[in-house]
Amino acid sequence: MGFTTTAAEMMAFPASKGYVRETGRGKHGVKMVGATRIPIPAHPGNMPTGTARKILAQAGYSINDVIEWRR
């Protein structure tokens, strides 16, 4: 079984690590600001695994970090 996540969870995980949601407009996405600025597409439904992996890598995390955080 593969890794599945939503945009909401992809915003909650960095928020738990100290990232803050940056207010802005347009592009159907959100930016989380912390050690780096990471864009998160805010579309309904599950996010593709590759997209989630790339977002997490930009912030210095991995899918395993999210799995551990869920527990």
C-alpha atoms as a PDB file:
ATOM      1  CA  MET A   1       0.000   0.000   0.000  1.00  0.00           C
ATOM      2  CA  GLY A   2       1.311   3.455  -0.914  1.00  0.00           C
ATOM      3  CA  PHE A   3       1.546   6.658   1.022  1.00  0.00           C
ATOM      4  CA  THR A   4      -1.542   8.893   0.842  1.00  0.00           C
ATOM      5  CA  THR A   5      -2.035  12.352   2.259  1.00  0.00           C
ATOM      6  CA  THR A   6      -4.147  15.445   1.748  1.00  0.00           C
ATOM      7  CA  ALA A   7      -3.242  19.121   1.440  1.00  0.00           C
ATOM      8  CA  ALA A   8      -4.650  19.699   4.946  1.00  0.00           C
ATOM      9  CA  GLU A   9      -2.301  17.101   6.424  1.00  0.00           C
ATOM     10  CA  MET A  10       0.605  18.504   4.418  1.00  0.00           C
ATOM     11  CA  MET A  11      -0.079  21.870   6.058  1.00  0.00           C
ATOM     12  CA  ALA A  12      -0.537  20.394   9.544  1.00  0.00           C
ATOM     13  CA  PHE A  13       2.757  18.478   9.549  1.00  0.00           C
ATOM     14  CA  PRO A  14       5.048  21.498   8.927  1.00  0.00           C
ATOM     15  CA  ALA A  15       2.904  23.559  11.321  1.00  0.00           C
ATOM     16  CA  SER A  16       3.718  21.032  14.044  1.00  0.00           C
ATOM     17  CA  LYS A  17       7.413  21.627  13.279  1.00  0.00           C
ATOM     18  CA  GLY A  18       7.187  25.411  13.651  1.00  0.00           C
ATOM     19  CA  TYR A  19       6.204  26.471  10.136  1.00  0.00           C
ATOM     20  CA  VAL A  20       3.585  29.214   9.813  1.00  0.00           C
ATOM     21  CA  ARG A  21       1.017  29.604   7.054  1.00  0.00           C
ATOM     22  CA  GLU A  22       1.809  32.637   4.927  1.00  0.00           C
ATOM     23  CA  THR A  23      -1.198  34.635   3.834  1.00  0.00           C
ATOM     24  CA  GLY A  24      -1.464  35.266   0.149  1.00  0.00           C
ATOM     25  CA  ARG A  25      -3.733  35.028  -2.825  1.00  0.00           C
ATOM     26  CA  GLY A  26      -4.094  32.968  -5.954  1.00  0.00           C
ATOM     27  CA  LYS A  27      -2.556  29.865  -7.453  1.00  0.00           C
ATOM     28  CA  HIS A  28      -4.811  27.515  -5.393  1.00  0.00           C
ATOM     29  CA  GLY A  29      -2.003  26.938  -2.957  1.00  0.00           C
ATOM     30  CA  VAL A  30      -0.562  27.845   0.401  1.00  0.00           C
ATOM     31  CA  LYS A  31       2.958  28.692   1.463  1.00  0.00           C
ATOM     32  CA  MET A  32       4.341  27.509   4.767  1.00  0.00           C
ATOM     33  CA  VAL A  33       7.214  29.606   6.121  1.00  0.00           C
ATOM     34  CA  GLY A  34       9.821  28.351   8.549  1.00  0.00           C
ATOM     35  CA  ALA A  35      13.449  27.440   7.922  1.00  0.00           C
ATOM     36  CA  THR A  36      12.462  27.512   4.236  1.00  0.00           C
ATOM     37  CA  ARG A  37       9.364  28.544   2.312  1.00  0.00           C
ATOM     38  CA  ILE A  38       7.454  25.536   0.975  1.00  0.00           C
ATOM     39  CA  PRO A  39       4.535  25.744  -1.453  1.00  0.00           C
ATOM     40  CA  ILE A  40       1.649  23.333  -0.891  1.00  0.00           C
ATOM     41  CA  PRO A  41      -1.032  22.897  -3.577  1.00  0.00           C
ATOM     42  CA  ALA A  42      -4.415  23.199  -1.867  1.00  0.00           C
ATOM     43  CA  HIS A  43      -6.569  20.937  -4.011  1.00  0.00           C
ATOM     44  CA  PRO A  44      -9.240  18.558  -2.697  1.00  0.00           C
ATOM     45  CA  GLY A  45      -8.571  14.850  -2.406  1.00  0.00           C
ATOM     46  CA  ASN A  46      -5.356  12.911  -2.014  1.00  0.00           C
ATOM     47  CA  MET A  47      -2.061  14.407  -3.077  1.00  0.00           C
ATOM     48  CA  PRO A  48       0.148  12.373  -5.435  1.00  0.00           C
ATOM     49  CA  THR A  49       2.959  10.628  -3.562  1.00  0.00           C
ATOM     50  CA  GLY A  50       5.655  12.282  -5.688  1.00  0.00           C
ATOM     51  CA  THR A  51       4.281  15.741  -4.918  1.00  0.00           C
ATOM     52  CA  ALA A  52       4.196  15.011  -1.183  1.00  0.00           C
ATOM     53  CA  ARG A  53       7.729  13.600  -1.303  1.00  0.00           C
ATOM     54  CA  LYS A  54       9.042  16.730  -3.089  1.00  0.00           C
ATOM     55  CA  ILE A  55       7.319  19.123  -0.660  1.00  0.00           C
ATOM     56  CA  LEU A  56       8.736  17.260   2.329  1.00  0.00           C
ATOM     57  CA  ALA A  57      12.229  17.145   0.806  1.00  0.00           C
ATOM     58  CA  GLN A  58      12.189  20.931   0.363  1.00  0.00           C
ATOM     59  CA  ALA A  59      11.576  21.250   4.100  1.00  0.00           C
ATOM     60  CA  GLY A  60      14.183  18.620   5.006  1.00  0.00           C
ATOM     61  CA  TYR A  61      11.723  15.856   5.947  1.00  0.00           C
ATOM     62  CA  SER A  62      10.712  12.494   4.504  1.00  0.00           C
ATOM     63  CA  ILE A  63       7.532  10.491   4.188  1.00  0.00           C
ATOM     64  CA  ASN A  64       8.725   8.395   7.147  1.00  0.00           C
ATOM     65  CA  ASP A  65       8.711  11.550   9.285  1.00  0.00           C
ATOM     66  CA  VAL A  66       5.034  12.096   8.447  1.00  0.00           C
ATOM     67  CA  ILE A  67       4.199   8.463   9.177  1.00  0.00           C
ATOM     68  CA  GLU A  68       5.857   8.743  12.609  1.00  0.00           C
ATOM     69  CA  TRP A  69       4.070  12.067  13.251  1.00  0.00           C
ATOM     70  CA  ARG A  70       0.696  10.423  12.558  1.00  0.00           C
ATOM     71  CA  ARG A  71       1.225   7.926  15.406  1.00  0.00           C
END
